[in-house]
Protein backbone atom coordinates (compact mmCIF):
# COMPACT_ATOMS: atom_id res chain seq x y z
CA UNK A 1 -7.35 -23.74 -96.13
CA UNK A 2 -4.82 -22.20 -94.39
CA UNK A 3 -1.58 -24.16 -93.66
CA UNK A 4 0.52 -23.90 -89.97
CA UNK A 5 3.21 -21.59 -90.17
CA UNK A 6 6.62 -22.83 -90.63
CA UNK A 7 9.47 -21.06 -88.61
CA UNK A 8 13.10 -21.26 -88.44
CA UNK A 9 14.85 -20.75 -85.39
CA UNK A 10 18.67 -20.52 -85.89
CA UNK A 11 21.31 -20.24 -82.64
CA UNK A 12 25.07 -20.77 -82.34
CA UNK A 13 26.69 -23.54 -79.69
CA UNK A 14 24.18 -25.90 -78.31
CA UNK A 15 23.67 -25.35 -74.52
CA UNK A 16 24.61 -21.71 -74.87
CA UNK A 17 22.52 -18.85 -74.07
CA UNK A 18 21.62 -18.14 -77.68
CA UNK A 19 20.40 -21.62 -77.43
CA UNK A 20 18.72 -21.08 -74.45
CA UNK A 21 16.73 -18.54 -75.45
CA UNK A 22 16.00 -20.03 -79.35
CA UNK A 23 14.42 -22.76 -77.12
CA UNK A 24 12.14 -20.00 -74.90
CA UNK A 25 11.25 -18.70 -78.19
CA UNK A 26 10.05 -22.02 -79.63
CA UNK A 27 8.25 -23.09 -76.87
CA UNK A 28 5.92 -19.74 -76.69
CA UNK A 29 5.43 -20.31 -80.68
CA UNK A 30 3.99 -23.71 -79.81
CA UNK A 31 1.76 -22.51 -76.60
CA UNK A 32 0.33 -20.11 -79.31
CA UNK A 33 0.02 -21.98 -82.03
CA UNK A 34 0.25 -25.75 -81.49
CA UNK A 35 0.03 -26.62 -85.08
CA UNK A 36 2.89 -24.60 -86.16
CA UNK A 37 6.05 -26.14 -87.32
CA UNK A 38 9.54 -25.16 -85.76
CA UNK A 39 12.92 -25.98 -86.86
CA UNK A 40 15.59 -24.82 -84.11
CA UNK A 41 19.21 -25.50 -85.07
CA UNK A 42 22.82 -24.40 -84.92
CA UNK A 43 22.76 -22.87 -88.34
CA UNK A 44 26.59 -22.83 -88.23
CA UNK A 45 26.83 -26.51 -87.12
CA UNK A 46 24.08 -27.55 -89.41
CA UNK A 47 25.78 -25.97 -92.68
CA UNK A 48 29.81 -26.23 -91.58
CA UNK A 49 30.26 -28.79 -88.80
CA UNK A 50 34.16 -28.36 -89.26
CA UNK A 51 33.85 -24.77 -89.15
CA UNK A 52 31.37 -24.45 -86.08
CA UNK A 53 34.40 -26.79 -84.14
CA UNK A 54 37.29 -24.70 -85.51
CA UNK A 55 35.03 -21.31 -84.23
CA UNK A 56 34.26 -22.60 -80.89
CA UNK A 57 37.80 -23.86 -80.43
CA UNK A 58 38.90 -20.83 -81.29
CA UNK A 59 36.81 -18.76 -78.94
CA UNK A 60 37.25 -20.89 -75.71
CA UNK A 61 41.21 -20.60 -76.43
CA UNK A 62 41.39 -17.03 -76.71
CA UNK A 63 38.99 -16.15 -73.87
CA UNK A 64 41.08 -18.74 -71.35
CA UNK A 65 44.31 -17.58 -72.85
CA UNK A 66 44.68 -14.36 -74.53
CA UNK A 67 41.35 -12.54 -72.81
CA UNK A 68 43.07 -9.40 -73.65
CA UNK A 69 42.77 -10.19 -77.06
CA UNK A 70 39.12 -10.64 -77.33
CA UNK A 71 38.51 -7.32 -75.53
CA UNK A 72 40.70 -5.73 -78.24
CA UNK A 73 38.31 -7.34 -81.22
CA UNK A 74 35.20 -7.32 -79.68
CA UNK A 75 33.08 -4.59 -81.07
CA UNK A 76 36.46 -2.92 -82.69
CA UNK A 77 35.58 -0.59 -85.45
CA UNK A 78 38.88 -1.82 -87.58
CA UNK A 79 38.31 -5.09 -87.03
CA UNK A 80 34.65 -4.92 -87.99
CA UNK A 81 35.72 -3.16 -91.31
CA UNK A 82 38.46 -5.69 -92.04
CA UNK A 83 36.24 -8.94 -91.72
CA UNK A 84 33.31 -6.80 -93.56
CA UNK A 85 35.52 -6.30 -96.65
CA UNK A 86 37.46 -9.76 -96.79
CA UNK A 87 36.04 -12.25 -94.41
CA UNK A 88 32.26 -11.99 -94.04
CA UNK A 89 31.85 -12.12 -97.87
CA UNK A 90 33.12 -15.53 -97.80
CA UNK A 91 31.29 -16.89 -94.67
CA UNK A 92 28.20 -14.99 -94.96
CA UNK A 93 26.97 -15.33 -98.37
CA UNK A 94 23.84 -17.57 -97.42
CA UNK A 95 24.34 -19.74 -100.44
CA UNK A 96 26.36 -22.94 -99.37
CA UNK A 97 24.97 -26.16 -100.65
CA UNK A 98 23.64 -27.49 -97.24
CA UNK A 99 22.09 -24.17 -96.37
CA UNK A 100 19.94 -24.43 -99.74
CA UNK A 101 19.33 -27.73 -99.16
CA UNK A 102 17.43 -26.87 -95.66
CA UNK A 103 15.54 -23.88 -96.71
CA UNK A 104 14.08 -25.56 -100.08
CA UNK A 105 13.12 -29.06 -97.83
CA UNK A 106 11.56 -26.60 -94.74
CA UNK A 107 10.51 -23.56 -96.51
CA UNK A 108 10.16 -21.28 -93.67
CA UNK A 109 7.32 -18.60 -93.59
CA UNK A 110 9.58 -16.61 -90.83
CA UNK A 111 13.07 -16.93 -89.40
CA UNK A 112 14.53 -16.02 -85.95
CA UNK A 113 18.17 -15.68 -84.91
CA UNK A 114 19.36 -15.65 -81.44
CA UNK A 115 23.25 -15.12 -82.63
CA UNK A 116 24.56 -12.31 -85.13
CA UNK A 117 26.54 -14.75 -87.51
CA UNK A 118 23.26 -17.06 -88.42
CA UNK A 119 20.98 -13.32 -88.94
CA UNK A 120 24.09 -12.19 -91.21
CA UNK A 121 23.93 -15.47 -93.49
CA UNK A 122 20.28 -15.72 -93.84
CA UNK A 123 20.01 -11.82 -94.24
CA UNK A 124 22.23 -12.87 -97.25
CA UNK A 125 20.07 -15.71 -98.20
CA UNK A 126 16.79 -14.03 -98.15
CA UNK A 127 17.73 -10.77 -100.15
CA UNK A 128 17.83 -13.42 -103.24
CA UNK A 129 14.27 -14.06 -102.59
CA UNK A 130 11.78 -12.26 -104.91
CA UNK A 131 9.43 -12.51 -101.66
CA UNK A 132 11.80 -12.56 -98.67
CA UNK A 133 10.00 -13.77 -95.36
CA UNK A 134 10.16 -12.26 -91.98
CA UNK A 135 13.99 -12.32 -90.36
CA UNK A 136 14.10 -11.17 -86.86
CA UNK A 137 17.43 -10.99 -85.17
CA UNK A 138 17.17 -11.33 -81.11
CA UNK A 139 19.69 -10.07 -78.85
CA UNK A 140 20.51 -12.12 -75.88
CA UNK A 141 22.91 -9.35 -74.42
CA UNK A 142 21.92 -5.93 -73.08
CA UNK A 143 24.23 -4.09 -75.94
CA UNK A 144 24.54 -5.20 -79.37
CA UNK A 145 27.79 -5.18 -80.91
CA UNK A 146 28.38 -4.04 -84.03
CA UNK A 147 28.70 -7.37 -86.14
CA UNK A 148 24.74 -7.84 -85.37
CA UNK A 149 24.51 -4.92 -87.92
CA UNK A 150 22.95 -6.20 -91.74
CA UNK A 151 21.79 -3.32 -94.55
CA UNK A 152 18.15 -2.43 -93.21
CA UNK A 153 15.46 -4.29 -95.32
CA UNK A 154 11.48 -4.09 -94.84
CA UNK A 155 11.81 -7.79 -94.22
CA UNK A 156 14.54 -7.36 -91.30
CA UNK A 157 13.25 -6.78 -87.58
CA UNK A 158 15.30 -6.68 -84.31
CA UNK A 159 14.19 -7.49 -80.75
CA UNK A 160 16.19 -5.87 -78.27
CA UNK A 161 16.10 -5.57 -74.04
CA UNK A 162 16.22 -1.68 -73.50
CA UNK A 163 16.17 1.83 -74.94
CA UNK A 164 20.12 2.15 -74.83
CA UNK A 165 20.12 -0.97 -76.96
CA UNK A 166 17.93 0.40 -79.64
CA UNK A 167 19.66 3.57 -79.77
CA UNK A 168 23.18 1.61 -80.52
CA UNK A 169 21.26 -0.45 -83.34
CA UNK A 170 20.26 3.24 -84.78
CA UNK A 171 23.89 4.34 -84.19
CA UNK A 172 24.89 1.47 -86.34
CA UNK A 173 22.46 2.40 -88.96
CA UNK A 174 19.11 0.46 -88.16
CA UNK A 175 15.88 2.29 -88.34
CA UNK A 176 13.93 2.54 -85.52
CA UNK A 177 10.89 1.11 -87.08
CA UNK A 178 12.84 -2.02 -87.53
CA UNK A 179 13.33 -2.51 -83.52
CA UNK A 180 11.21 -3.80 -80.98
CA UNK A 181 12.29 -3.45 -77.47
CA UNK A 182 10.70 -6.55 -75.84
CA UNK A 183 13.36 -8.17 -73.60
CA UNK A 184 15.74 -10.96 -73.51
CA UNK A 185 13.49 -14.13 -73.75
CA UNK A 186 13.76 -16.66 -71.20
CA UNK A 187 11.27 -19.58 -70.20
CA UNK A 188 10.18 -17.59 -67.08
CA UNK A 189 7.27 -19.91 -66.79
CA UNK A 190 8.89 -23.51 -66.64
CA UNK A 191 8.21 -23.53 -63.23
CA UNK A 192 4.50 -22.37 -63.22
CA UNK A 193 4.02 -25.36 -65.71
CA UNK A 194 5.62 -27.64 -62.87
CA UNK A 195 3.11 -26.33 -60.12
CA UNK A 196 6.16 -25.13 -58.50
CA UNK A 197 5.58 -22.38 -55.91
CA UNK A 198 8.02 -19.34 -56.07
CA UNK A 199 7.69 -18.27 -52.45
CA UNK A 200 10.74 -16.62 -51.24
CA UNK A 201 12.72 -18.81 -48.74
CA UNK A 202 12.63 -17.23 -44.82
CA UNK A 203 16.45 -18.47 -44.60
CA UNK A 204 19.22 -16.36 -46.13
CA UNK A 205 20.59 -17.77 -49.18
CA UNK A 206 23.42 -17.07 -51.71
CA UNK A 207 23.17 -18.69 -54.93
CA UNK A 208 26.46 -19.21 -56.40
CA UNK A 209 26.52 -19.94 -60.20
CA UNK A 210 29.87 -21.83 -61.15
CA UNK A 211 30.40 -21.48 -64.59
CA UNK A 212 29.45 -24.24 -66.77
CA UNK A 213 32.71 -23.80 -69.26
CA UNK A 214 34.70 -22.88 -66.01
CA UNK A 215 35.32 -19.17 -66.42
CA UNK A 216 33.21 -17.87 -63.83
CA UNK A 217 33.28 -18.42 -60.20
CA UNK A 218 35.95 -20.58 -59.08
CA UNK A 219 36.76 -22.83 -55.67
CA UNK A 220 38.72 -19.86 -54.17
CA UNK A 221 35.61 -17.79 -54.92
CA UNK A 222 33.30 -19.71 -52.76
CA UNK A 223 36.11 -20.18 -50.28
CA UNK A 224 36.26 -15.91 -49.94
CA UNK A 225 32.61 -15.98 -49.45
CA UNK A 226 32.58 -18.10 -46.61
CA UNK A 227 34.82 -15.95 -45.04
CA UNK A 228 31.91 -13.56 -44.36
CA UNK A 229 30.59 -13.23 -40.80
CA UNK A 230 26.85 -12.68 -41.49
CA UNK A 231 24.33 -16.23 -41.44
CA UNK A 232 23.65 -17.59 -44.70
CA UNK A 233 23.28 -20.76 -46.79
CA UNK A 234 25.64 -21.37 -49.52
CA UNK A 235 23.76 -22.48 -52.55
CA UNK A 236 26.35 -23.77 -55.32
CA UNK A 237 25.31 -24.83 -59.11
CA UNK A 238 28.33 -25.94 -60.62
CA UNK A 239 26.60 -26.97 -64.06
CA UNK A 240 28.82 -29.00 -66.30
CA UNK A 241 31.99 -27.85 -64.35
CA UNK A 242 33.04 -31.21 -63.07
CA UNK A 243 36.20 -29.52 -61.43
CA UNK A 244 34.73 -27.24 -59.36
CA UNK A 245 32.15 -29.67 -58.31
CA UNK A 246 34.37 -32.36 -57.42
CA UNK A 247 36.74 -29.67 -55.20
CA UNK A 248 33.76 -28.46 -53.26
CA UNK A 249 32.17 -31.85 -52.50
CA UNK A 250 36.01 -33.09 -51.09
CA UNK A 251 35.91 -29.73 -49.20
CA UNK A 252 32.34 -29.57 -47.94
CA UNK A 253 32.68 -30.44 -44.12
CA UNK A 254 35.55 -27.25 -44.17
CA UNK A 255 33.18 -24.69 -44.82
CA UNK A 256 31.34 -22.51 -41.77
CA UNK A 257 28.38 -21.88 -43.55
CA UNK A 258 25.83 -24.35 -44.55
CA UNK A 259 26.70 -25.74 -48.28
CA UNK A 260 24.66 -27.38 -51.32
CA UNK A 261 26.29 -28.30 -54.14
CA UNK A 262 24.12 -28.90 -57.28
CA UNK A 263 25.06 -29.86 -60.60
CA UNK A 264 23.39 -28.99 -63.52
CA UNK A 265 19.72 -27.81 -62.78
CA UNK A 266 16.53 -27.23 -64.76
CA UNK A 267 15.02 -24.72 -62.26
CA UNK A 268 17.89 -22.13 -61.60
CA UNK A 269 14.73 -19.52 -61.66
CA UNK A 270 13.47 -21.05 -58.60
CA UNK A 271 16.78 -20.81 -56.88
CA UNK A 272 16.96 -17.27 -57.91
CA UNK A 273 13.88 -16.29 -56.67
CA UNK A 274 14.26 -17.62 -53.04
CA UNK A 275 17.89 -16.44 -52.72
CA UNK A 276 18.94 -13.17 -51.19
CA UNK A 277 22.03 -12.60 -53.53
CA UNK A 278 22.90 -14.26 -56.93
CA UNK A 279 26.85 -14.57 -57.14
CA UNK A 280 28.51 -15.31 -60.71
CA UNK A 281 29.31 -13.97 -64.11
CA UNK A 282 26.95 -11.89 -66.17
CA UNK A 283 25.72 -14.12 -69.16
CA UNK A 284 23.04 -12.97 -71.21
CA UNK A 285 20.48 -15.37 -69.97
CA UNK A 286 21.38 -15.68 -66.64
CA UNK A 287 21.03 -12.08 -66.10
CA UNK A 288 17.50 -11.65 -67.49
CA UNK A 289 16.69 -15.03 -65.54
CA UNK A 290 17.99 -12.74 -62.43
CA UNK A 291 16.36 -9.96 -63.16
CA UNK A 292 12.83 -11.43 -63.91
CA UNK A 293 13.09 -13.31 -60.82
CA UNK A 294 14.23 -10.02 -59.09
CA UNK A 295 17.29 -10.95 -57.46
CA UNK A 296 20.32 -8.71 -56.53
CA UNK A 297 23.62 -9.75 -58.55
CA UNK A 298 27.35 -9.71 -57.23
CA UNK A 299 29.28 -9.83 -60.49
CA UNK A 300 32.76 -11.72 -60.53
CA UNK A 301 35.07 -11.95 -63.27
CA UNK A 302 32.77 -11.09 -65.94
CA UNK A 303 34.30 -12.49 -69.78
CA UNK A 304 35.53 -9.60 -71.84
CA UNK A 305 33.19 -8.21 -74.67
CA UNK A 306 29.82 -9.20 -74.00
CA UNK A 307 29.87 -9.86 -70.35
CA UNK A 308 31.22 -6.22 -69.90
CA UNK A 309 28.37 -4.48 -71.54
CA UNK A 310 26.15 -6.81 -69.29
CA UNK A 311 27.90 -5.65 -66.38
CA UNK A 312 27.80 -2.03 -67.28
CA UNK A 313 23.65 -2.17 -67.75
CA UNK A 314 22.90 -4.28 -64.34
CA UNK A 315 25.48 -1.61 -62.35
CA UNK A 316 23.84 1.22 -63.99
CA UNK A 317 20.04 0.25 -63.32
CA UNK A 318 21.25 -0.55 -59.48
CA UNK A 319 20.72 -4.16 -59.65
CA UNK A 320 24.14 -5.49 -59.65
CA UNK A 321 27.51 -4.89 -57.72
CA UNK A 322 30.56 -5.54 -59.88
CA UNK A 323 33.47 -6.99 -57.47
CA UNK A 324 37.24 -6.61 -58.94
CA UNK A 325 38.79 -9.10 -56.63
CA UNK A 326 37.51 -12.38 -54.82
CA UNK A 327 38.99 -11.06 -51.30
CA UNK A 328 36.42 -7.97 -51.71
CA UNK A 329 33.58 -11.03 -51.10
CA UNK A 330 33.32 -11.05 -47.24
CA UNK A 331 33.22 -6.97 -46.57
CA UNK A 332 30.33 -6.67 -49.49
CA UNK A 333 28.03 -9.57 -48.84
CA UNK A 334 28.41 -8.82 -45.03
CA UNK A 335 27.24 -4.94 -45.61
CA UNK A 336 24.16 -6.18 -48.11
CA UNK A 337 23.06 -8.92 -45.40
CA UNK A 338 23.00 -6.33 -42.56
CA UNK A 339 21.01 -3.79 -45.09
CA UNK A 340 17.78 -5.44 -46.29
CA UNK A 341 16.51 -2.13 -47.34
CA UNK A 342 19.25 -2.04 -49.85
CA UNK A 343 18.97 -5.34 -50.90
CA UNK A 344 14.98 -4.41 -51.34
CA UNK A 345 15.96 -1.37 -53.31
CA UNK A 346 18.27 -3.58 -55.72
CA UNK A 347 15.37 -6.35 -55.87
CA UNK A 348 13.08 -3.40 -57.02
CA UNK A 349 15.91 -2.12 -59.52
CA UNK A 350 15.79 -5.91 -60.87
CA UNK A 351 12.27 -6.23 -61.28
CA UNK A 352 12.29 -2.98 -63.44
CA UNK A 353 14.86 -4.46 -65.66
CA UNK A 354 13.35 -7.67 -66.01
CA UNK A 355 11.01 -8.85 -68.82
CA UNK A 356 9.47 -11.97 -67.83
CA UNK A 357 7.09 -12.23 -70.59
CA UNK A 358 9.84 -11.41 -73.59
CA UNK A 359 9.39 -14.82 -75.15
CA UNK A 360 5.66 -14.65 -75.30
CA UNK A 361 5.92 -10.88 -76.82
CA UNK A 362 8.39 -12.13 -79.82
CA UNK A 363 6.28 -15.20 -80.43
CA UNK A 364 3.10 -12.83 -80.85
CA UNK A 365 4.71 -10.15 -83.15
CA UNK A 366 6.71 -13.18 -85.25
CA UNK A 367 3.61 -14.93 -86.04
CA UNK A 368 1.78 -11.63 -86.75
CA UNK A 369 4.15 -11.16 -89.26
CA UNK A 370 3.49 -13.94 -91.05
CA UNK A 371 1.01 -13.85 -94.12
CA UNK A 372 -1.58 -16.36 -94.34
CA UNK A 373 -0.66 -19.42 -96.93
CA UNK A 374 -3.15 -21.17 -98.67
CA UNK A 375 -2.41 -24.74 -98.80
CA UNK A 376 -2.01 -26.44 -101.86
């Protein structure tokens, strides 16, 4: 009798885009093979919880206080060389005691990583095995940074969103045969499963994604948006950003446009589909959902590093406009609202870039890469 496949899915930081992508892949695996066993976990938190907390604190502190430092270090050749020689060999050896316990207990037939660090750790681990299991690295941004690169091996595969991302990995040294262009995995069918209709709203609506960590849209951004002269409804999703939600609720009667203030939502794609525009920062999963919904983006205040690459990709494809300052919002919004043909062209560009079936395509390729295993 053939045993059901066992698949380990690793990400970094709970409730992040990496986590959302991992959950999307896990859901499609179970949809294709209900008997499959999966474990979806934050690898760094599981194996080194103290280091996980330190890394998250250091990252958030750098982004908030000295973003120019993160911009300088992100995808930097010399920083990559320094860490490759002196730091990563210590933290990405793949031989920690907790990792060995995890792998011996679960014995996965395949591994998926939606972040570069777990990929590096498990690449080192699997190379020590006599029969390495398939290892998949799934990008959750539109351009890969050099830390995604691991020495090529037959059992290591990548999933990227675009041809440009494929070429970037090839420049870093990854063979083209080891790279698949499937897209960024999102849970695009959640709404269909809930039997929600995705008919666009006849009312003009601008959805504002506030940023769960308070790093994206600010209260002043929404106030500048309210200064636009055309008619539309402002639909703000604050996520876990309680400060922004509190300020908006306190001032909601002062807005001249109708405003809807939401906290955390599970049907963000439904809001995007019904929106004329999406205003926010271009996180990988947010961008992928917007493209799948065919929603043009107004990008404000992208984070340094990965979101700069996302911004360049979306703008180059004609699916987004990048605004440098909040005070530019009223004029840009009025121009777009008065030009429905331009908005429709941006919608079409977004749809062409969107990959709503990426998670399913990844799950199919992953399951097909697992050799059958006889039960004992």
